[in-house]
Amino acid sequence: QTDLHNEACTVRESLLFSARLRLKTRHASSKEIDEAKERWCEQLIEWLGLEEYADILVGNESAGEGLPKHVRKRLTVGVEWASNCSVLFADEPT
């Protein structure tokens, strides 16, 4: 199983990218909406225990650089969770 992430992005950028694309927007200014999405991503980082890795590049797993495998798995969960889904099914979560 491979976790696909942009190797040139940090953990924080990966979560924020997902949130910006997938979260529904309400009637508010674009600045307010973006700030809310940034706060949501910071909350995800805390919940997933990714504070230590938040500003580290994802890197290329096959080249042995970047995030450790267990952190990539948590990032993958976070990218899906960034959509603020009601239910998240996980097979063999790590």
N, C-alpha and C. Protein backbone atom coordinates (compact mmCIF):
# COMPACT_ATOMS: atom_id res chain seq x y z
N GLN A 1 0.84 -1.18 0.00
CA GLN A 1 0.00 0.00 0.00
C GLN A 1 0.88 1.24 0.00
N THR A 2 0.53 2.18 -0.85
CA THR A 2 1.33 3.38 -0.98
C THR A 2 0.50 4.59 -0.61
N ASP A 3 1.08 5.47 0.18
CA ASP A 3 0.43 6.73 0.52
C ASP A 3 0.94 7.78 -0.47
N LEU A 4 0.03 8.36 -1.23
CA LEU A 4 0.42 9.33 -2.24
C LEU A 4 0.27 10.75 -1.71
N HIS A 5 1.40 11.42 -1.59
CA HIS A 5 1.42 12.81 -1.14
C HIS A 5 2.44 13.56 -1.98
N ASN A 6 2.25 14.87 -2.11
CA ASN A 6 3.22 15.69 -2.82
C ASN A 6 4.47 15.78 -1.96
N GLU A 7 5.57 15.26 -2.48
CA GLU A 7 6.80 15.20 -1.70
C GLU A 7 7.43 16.56 -1.45
N ALA A 8 6.99 17.58 -2.18
CA ALA A 8 7.55 18.93 -2.03
C ALA A 8 6.77 19.78 -1.02
N CYS A 9 5.73 19.20 -0.42
CA CYS A 9 4.91 19.92 0.56
C CYS A 9 5.22 19.46 1.97
N THR A 10 4.95 20.33 2.92
CA THR A 10 5.06 19.94 4.32
C THR A 10 3.76 19.27 4.75
N VAL A 11 3.77 18.71 5.94
CA VAL A 11 2.56 18.10 6.49
C VAL A 11 1.45 19.15 6.56
N ARG A 12 1.77 20.32 7.10
CA ARG A 12 0.77 21.39 7.23
C ARG A 12 0.21 21.80 5.86
N GLU A 13 1.08 21.95 4.88
CA GLU A 13 0.64 22.34 3.54
C GLU A 13 -0.24 21.26 2.91
N SER A 14 0.07 20.01 3.14
CA SER A 14 -0.73 18.90 2.60
C SER A 14 -2.15 18.93 3.18
N LEU A 15 -2.24 19.13 4.49
CA LEU A 15 -3.56 19.19 5.12
C LEU A 15 -4.34 20.42 4.67
N LEU A 16 -3.67 21.54 4.59
CA LEU A 16 -4.33 22.77 4.18
C LEU A 16 -4.80 22.69 2.73
N PHE A 17 -4.00 22.09 1.86
CA PHE A 17 -4.39 21.91 0.47
C PHE A 17 -5.68 21.09 0.37
N SER A 18 -5.73 20.00 1.12
CA SER A 18 -6.92 19.15 1.13
C SER A 18 -8.14 19.92 1.66
N ALA A 19 -7.94 20.64 2.75
CA ALA A 19 -9.05 21.40 3.34
C ALA A 19 -9.56 22.47 2.38
N ARG A 20 -8.65 23.19 1.72
CA ARG A 20 -9.06 24.25 0.79
C ARG A 20 -9.85 23.69 -0.39
N LEU A 21 -9.49 22.50 -0.81
CA LEU A 21 -10.20 21.89 -1.95
C LEU A 21 -11.52 21.26 -1.56
N ARG A 22 -11.60 20.69 -0.36
CA ARG A 22 -12.71 19.81 -0.05
C ARG A 22 -13.73 20.35 0.94
N LEU A 23 -13.34 21.34 1.75
CA LEU A 23 -14.31 21.87 2.71
C LEU A 23 -15.29 22.80 2.02
N LYS A 24 -16.53 22.65 2.38
CA LYS A 24 -17.55 23.53 1.83
C LYS A 24 -17.39 24.92 2.44
N THR A 25 -17.71 25.91 1.64
CA THR A 25 -17.61 27.29 2.13
C THR A 25 -18.99 27.83 2.43
N ARG A 26 -19.03 28.66 3.42
CA ARG A 26 -20.29 29.31 3.80
C ARG A 26 -20.20 30.76 3.35
N HIS A 27 -21.26 31.48 3.57
CA HIS A 27 -21.28 32.89 3.20
C HIS A 27 -20.43 33.69 4.17
N ALA A 28 -19.22 33.96 3.78
CA ALA A 28 -18.29 34.74 4.57
C ALA A 28 -17.20 35.24 3.62
N SER A 29 -16.38 36.14 4.09
CA SER A 29 -15.32 36.63 3.23
C SER A 29 -14.29 35.52 3.00
N SER A 30 -13.58 35.61 1.91
CA SER A 30 -12.60 34.57 1.60
C SER A 30 -11.50 34.52 2.66
N LYS A 31 -11.18 35.66 3.27
CA LYS A 31 -10.17 35.68 4.33
C LYS A 31 -10.67 34.90 5.55
N GLU A 32 -11.92 35.11 5.93
CA GLU A 32 -12.50 34.39 7.08
C GLU A 32 -12.55 32.89 6.81
N ILE A 33 -12.92 32.54 5.60
CA ILE A 33 -13.00 31.12 5.23
C ILE A 33 -11.62 30.48 5.30
N ASP A 34 -10.62 31.15 4.75
CA ASP A 34 -9.27 30.60 4.75
C ASP A 34 -8.72 30.49 6.17
N GLU A 35 -9.00 31.48 7.01
CA GLU A 35 -8.55 31.41 8.40
C GLU A 35 -9.21 30.25 9.14
N ALA A 36 -10.48 30.00 8.86
CA ALA A 36 -11.18 28.88 9.48
C ALA A 36 -10.57 27.55 9.04
N LYS A 37 -10.21 27.44 7.78
CA LYS A 37 -9.59 26.21 7.28
C LYS A 37 -8.20 26.02 7.88
N GLU A 38 -7.47 27.10 8.07
CA GLU A 38 -6.16 27.01 8.71
C GLU A 38 -6.30 26.54 10.17
N ARG A 39 -7.29 27.08 10.87
CA ARG A 39 -7.53 26.64 12.26
C ARG A 39 -7.89 25.16 12.30
N TRP A 40 -8.72 24.73 11.36
CA TRP A 40 -9.12 23.32 11.28
C TRP A 40 -7.89 22.43 11.08
N CYS A 41 -6.99 22.84 10.20
CA CYS A 41 -5.78 22.05 9.94
C CYS A 41 -4.88 22.00 11.17
N GLU A 42 -4.78 23.09 11.89
CA GLU A 42 -3.99 23.10 13.13
C GLU A 42 -4.60 22.14 14.15
N GLN A 43 -5.93 22.08 14.19
CA GLN A 43 -6.60 21.15 15.10
C GLN A 43 -6.30 19.71 14.69
N LEU A 44 -6.32 19.43 13.40
CA LEU A 44 -6.00 18.08 12.91
C LEU A 44 -4.57 17.70 13.27
N ILE A 45 -3.64 18.62 13.10
CA ILE A 45 -2.25 18.36 13.44
C ILE A 45 -2.13 17.97 14.91
N GLU A 46 -2.84 18.68 15.75
CA GLU A 46 -2.81 18.36 17.18
C GLU A 46 -3.43 17.00 17.46
N TRP A 47 -4.63 16.75 16.92
CA TRP A 47 -5.33 15.49 17.17
C TRP A 47 -4.52 14.28 16.69
N LEU A 48 -3.82 14.44 15.57
CA LEU A 48 -3.07 13.33 15.00
C LEU A 48 -1.65 13.22 15.56
N GLY A 49 -1.30 14.13 16.46
CA GLY A 49 0.03 14.10 17.05
C GLY A 49 1.14 14.40 16.06
N LEU A 50 0.87 15.31 15.13
CA LEU A 50 1.83 15.64 14.08
C LEU A 50 2.56 16.97 14.32
N GLU A 51 2.47 17.50 15.53
CA GLU A 51 3.09 18.81 15.81
C GLU A 51 4.58 18.80 15.48
N GLU A 52 5.26 17.74 15.83
CA GLU A 52 6.70 17.61 15.62
C GLU A 52 7.06 17.58 14.13
N TYR A 53 6.13 17.14 13.30
CA TYR A 53 6.39 16.97 11.88
C TYR A 53 5.70 18.00 10.99
N ALA A 54 4.96 18.93 11.57
CA ALA A 54 4.09 19.83 10.80
C ALA A 54 4.82 20.61 9.71
N ASP A 55 6.06 20.99 9.95
CA ASP A 55 6.79 21.81 8.98
C ASP A 55 7.91 21.05 8.28
N ILE A 56 7.82 19.73 8.29
CA ILE A 56 8.80 18.89 7.61
C ILE A 56 8.23 18.47 6.26
N LEU A 57 9.08 18.48 5.24
CA LEU A 57 8.65 18.04 3.91
C LEU A 57 8.28 16.57 3.93
N VAL A 58 7.25 16.23 3.19
CA VAL A 58 6.82 14.83 3.09
C VAL A 58 7.95 13.98 2.53
N GLY A 59 8.60 14.44 1.47
CA GLY A 59 9.75 13.74 0.91
C GLY A 59 9.34 12.52 0.08
N ASN A 60 10.34 11.86 -0.45
CA ASN A 60 10.16 10.71 -1.32
C ASN A 60 10.44 9.44 -0.53
N GLU A 61 9.40 8.68 -0.27
CA GLU A 61 9.52 7.47 0.55
C GLU A 61 10.44 6.44 -0.11
N SER A 62 10.34 6.27 -1.42
CA SER A 62 11.15 5.24 -2.08
C SER A 62 12.64 5.59 -2.06
N ALA A 63 12.96 6.88 -1.93
CA ALA A 63 14.37 7.30 -1.84
C ALA A 63 14.84 7.32 -0.39
N GLY A 64 13.93 6.98 0.54
CA GLY A 64 14.29 6.93 1.94
C GLY A 64 14.45 8.29 2.59
N GLU A 65 13.76 9.29 2.06
CA GLU A 65 13.86 10.63 2.64
C GLU A 65 12.49 11.12 3.08
N GLY A 66 12.48 12.09 3.95
CA GLY A 66 11.22 12.68 4.40
C GLY A 66 10.65 11.99 5.62
N LEU A 67 9.35 11.94 5.67
CA LEU A 67 8.63 11.44 6.84
C LEU A 67 8.77 9.93 7.03
N PRO A 68 8.83 9.50 8.28
CA PRO A 68 8.78 8.06 8.55
C PRO A 68 7.42 7.49 8.13
N LYS A 69 7.39 6.19 7.87
CA LYS A 69 6.17 5.55 7.36
C LYS A 69 4.97 5.74 8.29
N HIS A 70 5.17 5.63 9.61
CA HIS A 70 4.04 5.77 10.53
C HIS A 70 3.46 7.20 10.49
N VAL A 71 4.29 8.17 10.21
CA VAL A 71 3.82 9.56 10.11
C VAL A 71 3.07 9.76 8.80
N ARG A 72 3.55 9.14 7.73
CA ARG A 72 2.84 9.21 6.44
C ARG A 72 1.42 8.64 6.57
N LYS A 73 1.30 7.56 7.33
CA LYS A 73 -0.02 6.95 7.53
C LYS A 73 -0.95 7.92 8.25
N ARG A 74 -0.44 8.58 9.28
CA ARG A 74 -1.26 9.56 10.01
C ARG A 74 -1.61 10.74 9.10
N LEU A 75 -0.66 11.15 8.25
CA LEU A 75 -0.94 12.23 7.31
C LEU A 75 -2.05 11.83 6.33
N THR A 76 -2.02 10.60 5.86
CA THR A 76 -3.05 10.11 4.95
C THR A 76 -4.43 10.18 5.61
N VAL A 77 -4.52 9.77 6.87
CA VAL A 77 -5.78 9.87 7.61
C VAL A 77 -6.18 11.34 7.71
N GLY A 78 -5.22 12.21 8.02
CA GLY A 78 -5.51 13.64 8.16
C GLY A 78 -5.99 14.28 6.88
N VAL A 79 -5.41 13.89 5.75
CA VAL A 79 -5.84 14.45 4.46
C VAL A 79 -7.30 14.11 4.19
N GLU A 80 -7.71 12.90 4.55
CA GLU A 80 -9.12 12.53 4.38
C GLU A 80 -10.00 13.22 5.41
N TRP A 81 -9.52 13.31 6.62
CA TRP A 81 -10.26 13.94 7.71
C TRP A 81 -10.40 15.44 7.48
N ALA A 82 -9.52 16.03 6.69
CA ALA A 82 -9.56 17.48 6.42
C ALA A 82 -10.86 17.91 5.75
N SER A 83 -11.55 16.97 5.14
CA SER A 83 -12.83 17.29 4.51
C SER A 83 -13.96 17.41 5.53
N ASN A 84 -13.63 17.16 6.81
CA ASN A 84 -14.61 17.22 7.91
C ASN A 84 -15.77 16.27 7.65
N CYS A 85 -15.41 15.06 7.23
CA CYS A 85 -16.41 14.04 6.92
C CYS A 85 -17.14 13.58 8.19
N SER A 86 -18.35 13.10 8.01
CA SER A 86 -19.14 12.61 9.13
C SER A 86 -18.63 11.26 9.61
N VAL A 87 -18.18 10.44 8.66
CA VAL A 87 -17.71 9.09 8.95
C VAL A 87 -16.43 8.86 8.17
N LEU A 88 -15.47 8.22 8.81
CA LEU A 88 -14.22 7.87 8.14
C LEU A 88 -13.95 6.40 8.42
N PHE A 89 -14.05 5.58 7.38
CA PHE A 89 -13.79 4.16 7.52
C PHE A 89 -12.31 3.91 7.29
N ALA A 90 -11.70 3.13 8.15
CA ALA A 90 -10.28 2.82 8.00
C ALA A 90 -10.08 1.31 8.21
N ASP A 91 -9.40 0.70 7.25
CA ASP A 91 -9.06 -0.70 7.34
C ASP A 91 -7.66 -0.78 7.91
N GLU A 92 -7.49 -1.44 9.03
CA GLU A 92 -6.22 -1.58 9.70
C GLU A 92 -5.55 -0.22 9.94
N PRO A 93 -6.23 0.68 10.65
CA PRO A 93 -5.63 2.00 10.89
C PRO A 93 -4.37 1.88 11.74
N THR A 94 -3.44 2.79 11.49
CA THR A 94 -2.18 2.78 12.25
C THR A 94 -2.10 3.97 13.15
